[in-house]
């Protein structure tokens, strides 16, 4: 039976992302109670903001964690994985902690850009690993 090395770095950031998801999910529930909205956003901007905070994390976290796991399994240097993980979490915190109204703020834009860079770089490095090029 083949054994894989534990994905210790990826697991750390998956765990942090999971906790962040619980926090933004609680914020959605709190907004639902406050505005008495059971389904959807009820036309309430605060509801829409809370829902999109949660949705944005759910949309980006799985691909990031998958790419990190593939890179870790491929032998990528732990320091690089930590750079990806920290950048992803900081980017998501920047995005989630600011107003998501029609007026995009600087932090929101920076958080989104950081997330895209992490995913794009992870994708490129995963392709390089597939081609047999070491990423250490």
C-alpha atoms as a PDB file:
ATOM      1  CA  UNK A   1       0.000   0.000   0.000  1.00  0.00           C
ATOM      2  CA  UNK A   2       1.376   3.424  -0.970  1.00  0.00           C
ATOM      3  CA  UNK A   3       1.506   6.019   1.768  1.00  0.00           C
ATOM      4  CA  UNK A   4       1.384   9.730   1.125  1.00  0.00           C
ATOM      5  CA  UNK A   5       3.138  12.237   3.317  1.00  0.00           C
ATOM      6  CA  UNK A   6       0.629  14.168   5.388  1.00  0.00           C
ATOM      7  CA  UNK A   7      -0.378  17.457   3.856  1.00  0.00           C
ATOM      8  CA  UNK A   8       0.625  19.444   6.918  1.00  0.00           C
ATOM      9  CA  UNK A   9       0.927  22.869   5.263  1.00  0.00           C
ATOM     10  CA  UNK A  10      -2.220  22.513   3.166  1.00  0.00           C
ATOM     11  CA  UNK A  11      -4.111  21.153   6.171  1.00  0.00           C
ATOM     12  CA  UNK A  12      -3.194  24.226   8.201  1.00  0.00           C
ATOM     13  CA  UNK A  13      -4.682  26.625   5.646  1.00  0.00           C
ATOM     14  CA  UNK A  14      -7.684  24.400   4.969  1.00  0.00           C
ATOM     15  CA  UNK A  15      -8.388  24.519   8.695  1.00  0.00           C
ATOM     16  CA  UNK A  16      -8.041  28.306   8.830  1.00  0.00           C
ATOM     17  CA  UNK A  17     -10.300  28.674   5.770  1.00  0.00           C
ATOM     18  CA  UNK A  18     -12.844  26.388   7.449  1.00  0.00           C
ATOM     19  CA  UNK A  19     -12.885  28.577  10.561  1.00  0.00           C
ATOM     20  CA  UNK A  20     -13.243  31.687   8.407  1.00  0.00           C
ATOM     21  CA  UNK A  21     -16.176  30.016   6.651  1.00  0.00           C
ATOM     22  CA  UNK A  22     -17.856  29.382  10.008  1.00  0.00           C
ATOM     23  CA  UNK A  23     -17.414  33.059  10.930  1.00  0.00           C
ATOM     24  CA  UNK A  24     -18.889  34.398   7.672  1.00  0.00           C
ATOM     25  CA  UNK A  25     -21.690  31.818   7.884  1.00  0.00           C
ATOM     26  CA  UNK A  26     -22.561  33.019  11.385  1.00  0.00           C
ATOM     27  CA  UNK A  27     -22.679  36.565  10.008  1.00  0.00           C
ATOM     28  CA  UNK A  28     -25.169  35.414   7.344  1.00  0.00           C
ATOM     29  CA  UNK A  29     -27.332  33.762   9.997  1.00  0.00           C
ATOM     30  CA  UNK A  30     -27.170  36.834  12.230  1.00  0.00           C
ATOM     31  CA  UNK A  31     -28.224  39.046   9.312  1.00  0.00           C
ATOM     32  CA  UNK A  32     -31.083  36.645   8.518  1.00  0.00           C
ATOM     33  CA  UNK A  33     -32.350  36.865  12.102  1.00  0.00           C
ATOM     34  CA  UNK A  34     -31.934  40.638  12.252  1.00  0.00           C
ATOM     35  CA  UNK A  35     -33.785  41.225   8.970  1.00  0.00           C
ATOM     36  CA  UNK A  36     -36.212  38.287   9.326  1.00  0.00           C
ATOM     37  CA  UNK A  37     -35.153  36.883   5.942  1.00  0.00           C
ATOM     38  CA  UNK A  38     -35.324  33.107   5.654  1.00  0.00           C
ATOM     39  CA  UNK A  39     -34.374  32.628   1.990  1.00  0.00           C
ATOM     40  CA  UNK A  40     -32.466  34.911  -0.380  1.00  0.00           C
ATOM     41  CA  UNK A  41     -31.514  38.473   0.513  1.00  0.00           C
ATOM     42  CA  UNK A  42     -34.995  39.925   1.040  1.00  0.00           C
ATOM     43  CA  UNK A  43     -33.927  43.025  -0.869  1.00  0.00           C
ATOM     44  CA  UNK A  44     -31.754  44.026   2.085  1.00  0.00           C
ATOM     45  CA  UNK A  45     -28.261  45.307   1.179  1.00  0.00           C
ATOM     46  CA  UNK A  46     -26.809  44.002   4.464  1.00  0.00           C
ATOM     47  CA  UNK A  47     -28.126  40.522   3.660  1.00  0.00           C
ATOM     48  CA  UNK A  48     -26.644  40.609   0.180  1.00  0.00           C
ATOM     49  CA  UNK A  49     -23.285  41.712   1.607  1.00  0.00           C
ATOM     50  CA  UNK A  50     -23.226  38.872   4.142  1.00  0.00           C
ATOM     51  CA  UNK A  51     -24.276  36.303   1.535  1.00  0.00           C
ATOM     52  CA  UNK A  52     -21.596  37.446  -0.917  1.00  0.00           C
ATOM     53  CA  UNK A  53     -18.880  37.391   1.759  1.00  0.00           C
ATOM     54  CA  UNK A  54     -19.748  33.760   2.361  1.00  0.00           C
ATOM     55  CA  UNK A  55     -20.152  33.004  -1.343  1.00  0.00           C
ATOM     56  CA  UNK A  56     -16.816  34.516  -2.292  1.00  0.00           C
ATOM     57  CA  UNK A  57     -14.994  32.357   0.229  1.00  0.00           C
ATOM     58  CA  UNK A  58     -16.876  29.236  -0.902  1.00  0.00           C
ATOM     59  CA  UNK A  59     -16.056  30.034  -4.542  1.00  0.00           C
ATOM     60  CA  UNK A  60     -12.311  30.526  -4.093  1.00  0.00           C
ATOM     61  CA  UNK A  61     -11.246  28.339  -1.161  1.00  0.00           C
ATOM     62  CA  UNK A  62     -11.741  24.892  -2.751  1.00  0.00           C
ATOM     63  CA  UNK A  63      -9.545  25.574  -5.795  1.00  0.00           C
ATOM     64  CA  UNK A  64      -6.867  27.182  -3.657  1.00  0.00           C
ATOM     65  CA  UNK A  65      -6.770  24.251  -1.237  1.00  0.00           C
ATOM     66  CA  UNK A  66      -6.765  21.717  -4.090  1.00  0.00           C
ATOM     67  CA  UNK A  67      -3.851  23.490  -5.801  1.00  0.00           C
ATOM     68  CA  UNK A  68      -1.938  23.716  -2.538  1.00  0.00           C
ATOM     69  CA  UNK A  69      -2.478  19.999  -1.896  1.00  0.00           C
ATOM     70  CA  UNK A  70      -1.284  19.078  -5.378  1.00  0.00           C
ATOM     71  CA  UNK A  71       1.773  21.276  -4.978  1.00  0.00           C
ATOM     72  CA  UNK A  72       2.533  19.847  -1.554  1.00  0.00           C
ATOM     73  CA  UNK A  73       2.177  16.289  -2.834  1.00  0.00           C
ATOM     74  CA  UNK A  74       4.475  17.257  -5.712  1.00  0.00           C
ATOM     75  CA  UNK A  75       7.206  18.275  -3.284  1.00  0.00           C
ATOM     76  CA  UNK A  76       6.893  22.050  -3.456  1.00  0.00           C
ATOM     77  CA  UNK A  77       8.938  23.829  -0.808  1.00  0.00           C
ATOM     78  CA  UNK A  78       6.946  24.385   2.391  1.00  0.00           C
ATOM     79  CA  UNK A  79       7.943  28.072   2.492  1.00  0.00           C
ATOM     80  CA  UNK A  80       6.275  28.634  -0.881  1.00  0.00           C
ATOM     81  CA  UNK A  81       3.127  26.840   0.256  1.00  0.00           C
ATOM     82  CA  UNK A  82       3.056  29.047   3.350  1.00  0.00           C
ATOM     83  CA  UNK A  83       3.374  32.136   1.137  1.00  0.00           C
ATOM     84  CA  UNK A  84       0.372  30.922  -0.872  1.00  0.00           C
ATOM     85  CA  UNK A  85      -1.631  30.039   2.235  1.00  0.00           C
ATOM     86  CA  UNK A  86      -0.918  33.281   4.074  1.00  0.00           C
ATOM     87  CA  UNK A  87      -1.610  35.366   0.968  1.00  0.00           C
ATOM     88  CA  UNK A  88      -4.889  33.542   0.371  1.00  0.00           C
ATOM     89  CA  UNK A  89      -6.124  33.941   3.947  1.00  0.00           C
ATOM     90  CA  UNK A  90      -5.058  37.593   4.159  1.00  0.00           C
ATOM     91  CA  UNK A  91      -6.665  38.269   0.780  1.00  0.00           C
ATOM     92  CA  UNK A  92      -9.932  36.693   1.872  1.00  0.00           C
ATOM     93  CA  UNK A  93      -9.887  38.583   5.187  1.00  0.00           C
ATOM     94  CA  UNK A  94      -9.315  41.867   3.339  1.00  0.00           C
ATOM     95  CA  UNK A  95     -12.162  41.076   0.983  1.00  0.00           C
ATOM     96  CA  UNK A  96     -14.597  39.924   3.672  1.00  0.00           C
ATOM     97  CA  UNK A  97     -13.928  42.680   6.175  1.00  0.00           C
ATOM     98  CA  UNK A  98     -14.915  45.597   3.978  1.00  0.00           C
ATOM     99  CA  UNK A  99     -18.096  46.919   2.476  1.00  0.00           C
ATOM    100  CA  UNK A 100     -19.186  44.804  -0.498  1.00  0.00           C
ATOM    101  CA  UNK A 101     -21.636  47.387  -1.763  1.00  0.00           C
ATOM    102  CA  UNK A 102     -21.588  48.792  -5.276  1.00  0.00           C
ATOM    103  CA  UNK A 103     -18.699  51.048  -4.170  1.00  0.00           C
ATOM    104  CA  UNK A 104     -15.682  48.748  -4.282  1.00  0.00           C
ATOM    105  CA  UNK A 105     -13.093  49.720  -1.699  1.00  0.00           C
ATOM    106  CA  UNK A 106      -9.342  49.467  -2.047  1.00  0.00           C
ATOM    107  CA  UNK A 107      -9.050  46.625   0.471  1.00  0.00           C
ATOM    108  CA  UNK A 108     -11.691  44.619  -1.337  1.00  0.00           C
ATOM    109  CA  UNK A 109      -9.886  45.051  -4.647  1.00  0.00           C
ATOM    110  CA  UNK A 110      -6.509  44.182  -3.167  1.00  0.00           C
ATOM    111  CA  UNK A 111      -7.976  41.117  -1.456  1.00  0.00           C
ATOM    112  CA  UNK A 112      -9.514  39.931  -4.708  1.00  0.00           C
ATOM    113  CA  UNK A 113      -6.299  40.535  -6.657  1.00  0.00           C
ATOM    114  CA  UNK A 114      -4.207  38.668  -4.088  1.00  0.00           C
ATOM    115  CA  UNK A 115      -6.602  35.720  -4.286  1.00  0.00           C
ATOM    116  CA  UNK A 116      -6.406  35.673  -8.094  1.00  0.00           C
ATOM    117  CA  UNK A 117      -2.599  35.819  -8.004  1.00  0.00           C
ATOM    118  CA  UNK A 118      -2.449  32.882  -5.575  1.00  0.00           C
ATOM    119  CA  UNK A 119      -4.767  30.786  -7.751  1.00  0.00           C
ATOM    120  CA  UNK A 120      -3.021  31.733 -11.015  1.00  0.00           C
ATOM    121  CA  UNK A 121       0.450  31.059  -9.595  1.00  0.00           C
ATOM    122  CA  UNK A 122      -0.753  27.795  -8.072  1.00  0.00           C
ATOM    123  CA  UNK A 123      -2.211  26.769 -11.432  1.00  0.00           C
ATOM    124  CA  UNK A 124       1.004  27.571 -13.301  1.00  0.00           C
ATOM    125  CA  UNK A 125       3.154  25.753 -10.742  1.00  0.00           C
ATOM    126  CA  UNK A 126       0.850  22.729 -10.841  1.00  0.00           C
ATOM    127  CA  UNK A 127       1.183  22.618 -14.630  1.00  0.00           C
ATOM    128  CA  UNK A 128       4.975  22.835 -14.290  1.00  0.00           C
ATOM    129  CA  UNK A 129       4.941  19.962 -11.786  1.00  0.00           C
ATOM    130  CA  UNK A 130       2.863  17.923 -14.216  1.00  0.00           C
ATOM    131  CA  UNK A 131       5.505  18.604 -16.870  1.00  0.00           C
ATOM    132  CA  UNK A 132       8.175  17.276 -14.509  1.00  0.00           C
ATOM    133  CA  UNK A 133       9.628  20.640 -13.546  1.00  0.00           C
ATOM    134  CA  UNK A 134      10.428  20.782  -9.838  1.00  0.00           C
ATOM    135  CA  UNK A 135       9.076  23.703  -7.821  1.00  0.00           C
ATOM    136  CA  UNK A 136      11.381  23.972  -4.855  1.00  0.00           C
END
